[in-house]
Amino acid sequence: MPEFESAIIKTYAPNPGASMFLSDESATTKLLVRSDQAQFGLVFGASSAVGEALICATRPDEWLILGSEPAVDAAAAGIDSGGFTNVIPFTHGRSLFRLTGAHAAGLLEKICGIDWSDAMTPEGAVTSASVALTTCDIIRHDRNGIRSYLLMCDRSFGQYLFDALLDAGDEFGISVE
């Protein structure tokens, strides 16, 4: 498969003094698994690390594997291919952004109708929602104890969503990483 690089963040200058960061992680390898077989011991709405990969149960009978290509390949080796199981490369069809910072939930509350409190969306939670009128899969995946979210949408909406997140984060001192 050809190497993939996103061009979205190339038009933004980083702000080193920022307290919240948005990064384009669209080049992350993404593999979608649809199956009538239980996979990875995960139930809908949860995520977990499998080796170096992140597995997300995005819908009933649907799992998303994220990570470097070797990590995704290693996690994919554990797929139960019995029954009706499809494994679909998803890297090039979806944009993936990471929003990190203490005020990340506050930013999302401005442009999404989900309750972002720890009780409703704890670390590891997976949900789907409209973010700035764009259908997204959202994974709470904190980094070093700092609140962080992965937001994934159709590639065709990537630039729009990236710009909408930057606009909504302006009051929080957001910067591009």
Protein backbone atom coordinates (compact mmCIF):
# COMPACT_ATOMS: atom_id res chain seq x y z
CA MET A 1 0.00 0.00 0.00
CA PRO A 2 1.42 3.46 -0.85
CA GLU A 3 2.57 5.64 2.01
CA PHE A 4 -0.04 8.17 3.11
CA GLU A 5 0.53 11.71 4.32
CA SER A 6 -2.16 14.23 5.15
CA ALA A 7 -1.78 17.83 4.02
CA ILE A 8 -4.24 19.36 6.47
CA ILE A 9 -1.92 20.74 9.16
CA LYS A 10 0.64 22.14 6.75
CA THR A 11 -1.26 25.44 6.55
CA TYR A 12 -1.18 26.18 10.30
CA ALA A 13 1.60 27.59 12.46
CA PRO A 14 1.98 26.02 15.94
CA ASN A 15 1.65 28.09 19.11
CA PRO A 16 4.20 26.73 21.65
CA GLY A 17 2.48 28.49 24.59
CA ALA A 18 -0.90 26.84 23.99
CA SER A 19 -2.72 24.79 26.62
CA MET A 20 -4.71 22.70 24.13
CA PHE A 21 -3.50 20.98 20.99
CA LEU A 22 -5.03 19.63 17.81
CA SER A 23 -3.05 17.24 15.68
CA ASP A 24 -3.75 15.52 12.37
CA GLU A 25 -3.21 11.78 12.82
CA SER A 26 -4.87 10.80 9.55
CA ALA A 27 -1.78 8.84 8.47
CA THR A 28 -2.38 6.40 11.36
CA THR A 29 -3.14 2.94 10.00
CA LYS A 30 -6.86 2.13 10.37
CA LEU A 31 -8.41 -1.30 9.90
CA LEU A 32 -12.15 -1.91 10.20
CA VAL A 33 -13.42 -5.31 11.33
CA ARG A 34 -17.08 -6.22 10.86
CA SER A 35 -18.08 -9.59 12.24
CA ASP A 36 -20.85 -11.63 13.78
CA GLN A 37 -18.13 -13.16 15.98
CA ALA A 38 -17.05 -11.55 19.26
CA GLN A 39 -13.69 -9.85 18.72
CA PHE A 40 -10.93 -8.72 21.09
CA GLY A 41 -13.10 -9.19 24.20
CA LEU A 42 -14.54 -5.69 23.71
CA VAL A 43 -18.17 -4.64 23.92
CA PHE A 44 -19.69 -1.77 21.98
CA GLY A 45 -18.59 1.62 23.35
CA ALA A 46 -15.25 0.47 24.79
CA SER A 47 -11.62 0.55 23.69
CA SER A 48 -8.45 -1.19 24.79
CA ALA A 49 -4.81 -1.50 23.84
CA VAL A 50 -3.75 -4.73 22.16
CA GLY A 51 0.02 -4.56 22.06
CA GLU A 52 0.85 -1.19 20.49
CA ALA A 53 -2.54 -0.90 18.72
CA LEU A 54 -5.75 0.67 19.99
CA ILE A 55 -8.90 -1.40 19.42
CA CYS A 56 -12.23 0.47 19.51
CA ALA A 57 -15.66 -1.17 19.51
CA THR A 58 -17.33 1.56 17.43
CA ARG A 59 -20.66 -0.17 16.79
CA PRO A 60 -22.29 -3.49 17.63
CA ASP A 61 -20.35 -6.08 15.59
CA GLU A 62 -17.77 -3.49 14.42
CA TRP A 63 -14.24 -2.84 15.68
CA LEU A 64 -11.63 -0.34 14.56
CA ILE A 65 -7.91 -1.04 14.94
CA LEU A 66 -5.63 2.05 15.08
CA GLY A 67 -1.86 2.30 15.25
CA SER A 68 1.32 1.91 13.28
CA GLU A 69 1.11 -0.57 10.41
CA PRO A 70 3.11 -3.28 12.27
CA ALA A 71 1.00 -2.79 15.43
CA VAL A 72 -2.25 -3.03 13.47
CA ASP A 73 -1.00 -6.11 11.62
CA ALA A 74 -0.07 -7.75 14.94
CA ALA A 75 -3.49 -6.97 16.45
CA ALA A 76 -5.24 -8.18 13.29
CA ALA A 77 -3.61 -11.58 13.75
CA GLY A 78 -6.04 -12.09 16.65
CA ILE A 79 -9.18 -11.64 14.54
CA ASP A 80 -11.63 -14.56 14.70
CA SER A 81 -12.34 -14.99 10.97
CA GLY A 82 -15.17 -17.47 11.48
CA GLY A 83 -18.76 -16.68 10.57
CA PHE A 84 -19.34 -13.52 8.57
CA THR A 85 -16.16 -11.52 9.12
CA ASN A 86 -14.84 -8.74 6.91
CA VAL A 87 -11.57 -6.89 7.39
CA ILE A 88 -11.44 -3.58 5.54
CA PRO A 89 -8.42 -1.26 5.18
CA PHE A 90 -9.73 2.14 6.29
CA THR A 91 -6.66 4.40 6.39
CA HIS A 92 -7.26 6.42 3.24
CA GLY A 93 -11.01 6.89 3.65
CA ARG A 94 -11.04 8.54 7.08
CA SER A 95 -9.46 11.61 8.67
CA LEU A 96 -8.30 11.23 12.27
CA PHE A 97 -7.58 14.11 14.64
CA ARG A 98 -6.37 14.21 18.25
CA LEU A 99 -7.63 16.94 20.58
CA THR A 100 -5.61 17.14 23.81
CA GLY A 101 -5.82 19.48 26.79
CA ALA A 102 -7.58 20.16 30.07
CA HIS A 103 -10.34 22.07 28.24
CA ALA A 104 -10.88 19.50 25.46
CA ALA A 105 -14.29 18.53 26.88
CA GLY A 106 -15.29 22.21 27.04
CA LEU A 107 -14.38 22.65 23.39
CA LEU A 108 -16.40 19.59 22.38
CA GLU A 109 -19.40 20.79 24.42
CA LYS A 110 -19.55 23.86 22.17
CA ILE A 111 -19.95 21.85 18.95
CA CYS A 112 -21.36 18.47 20.02
CA GLY A 113 -24.39 17.41 22.05
CA ILE A 114 -22.70 14.60 24.04
CA ASP A 115 -22.14 14.77 27.81
CA TRP A 116 -18.33 14.82 28.08
CA SER A 117 -18.19 14.38 31.87
CA ASP A 118 -15.99 11.58 33.24
CA ALA A 119 -19.10 9.69 34.36
CA MET A 120 -20.51 9.55 30.82
CA THR A 121 -17.34 9.39 28.72
CA PRO A 122 -14.55 7.98 30.87
CA GLU A 123 -11.09 7.10 29.58
CA GLY A 124 -11.54 4.40 26.93
CA ALA A 125 -15.12 5.36 25.99
CA VAL A 126 -16.09 5.16 22.33
CA THR A 127 -19.10 6.97 20.86
CA SER A 128 -20.44 8.36 17.60
CA ALA A 129 -21.91 11.82 17.34
CA SER A 130 -22.29 14.90 15.20
CA VAL A 131 -19.33 17.23 15.83
CA ALA A 132 -19.79 20.60 14.10
CA LEU A 133 -22.48 18.88 11.99
CA THR A 134 -20.02 16.17 10.89
CA THR A 135 -20.62 12.50 11.74
CA CYS A 136 -17.66 11.33 13.83
CA ASP A 137 -16.45 8.36 15.82
CA ILE A 138 -14.93 9.73 19.04
CA ILE A 139 -12.58 7.82 21.35
CA ARG A 140 -11.46 9.12 24.74
CA HIS A 141 -7.79 8.22 24.78
CA ASP A 142 -5.98 10.27 27.43
CA ARG A 143 -2.25 10.96 27.18
CA ASN A 144 -0.12 11.04 30.33
CA GLY A 145 -3.16 11.81 32.47
CA ILE A 146 -4.27 14.69 30.22
CA ARG A 147 -7.70 14.49 28.62
CA SER A 148 -7.46 13.60 24.95
CA TYR A 149 -9.92 12.58 22.25
CA LEU A 150 -9.50 10.96 18.87
CA LEU A 151 -12.06 12.19 16.33
CA MET A 152 -12.52 10.32 13.08
CA CYS A 153 -14.69 11.39 10.13
CA ASP A 154 -15.01 10.76 6.41
CA ARG A 155 -11.96 12.08 4.59
CA SER A 156 -14.07 14.50 2.53
CA PHE A 157 -15.07 16.36 5.74
CA GLY A 158 -11.55 16.38 7.24
CA GLN A 159 -10.48 19.92 6.44
CA TYR A 160 -13.87 21.32 7.49
CA LEU A 161 -13.80 19.48 10.83
CA PHE A 162 -10.18 20.45 11.50
CA ASP A 163 -11.01 24.13 10.88
CA ALA A 164 -14.19 23.91 13.02
CA LEU A 165 -12.21 22.42 15.93
CA LEU A 166 -9.62 25.20 15.66
CA ASP A 167 -12.34 27.84 15.57
CA ALA A 168 -14.16 26.36 18.59
CA GLY A 169 -10.86 26.09 20.48
CA ASP A 170 -9.78 29.67 19.91
CA GLU A 171 -11.05 30.81 23.34
CA PHE A 172 -9.12 27.95 24.99
CA GLY A 173 -5.78 28.85 23.37
CA ILE A 174 -5.68 25.91 20.97
CA SER A 175 -2.68 25.26 18.77
CA VAL A 176 -1.76 22.80 16.04
CA GLU A 177 0.81 20.15 16.94
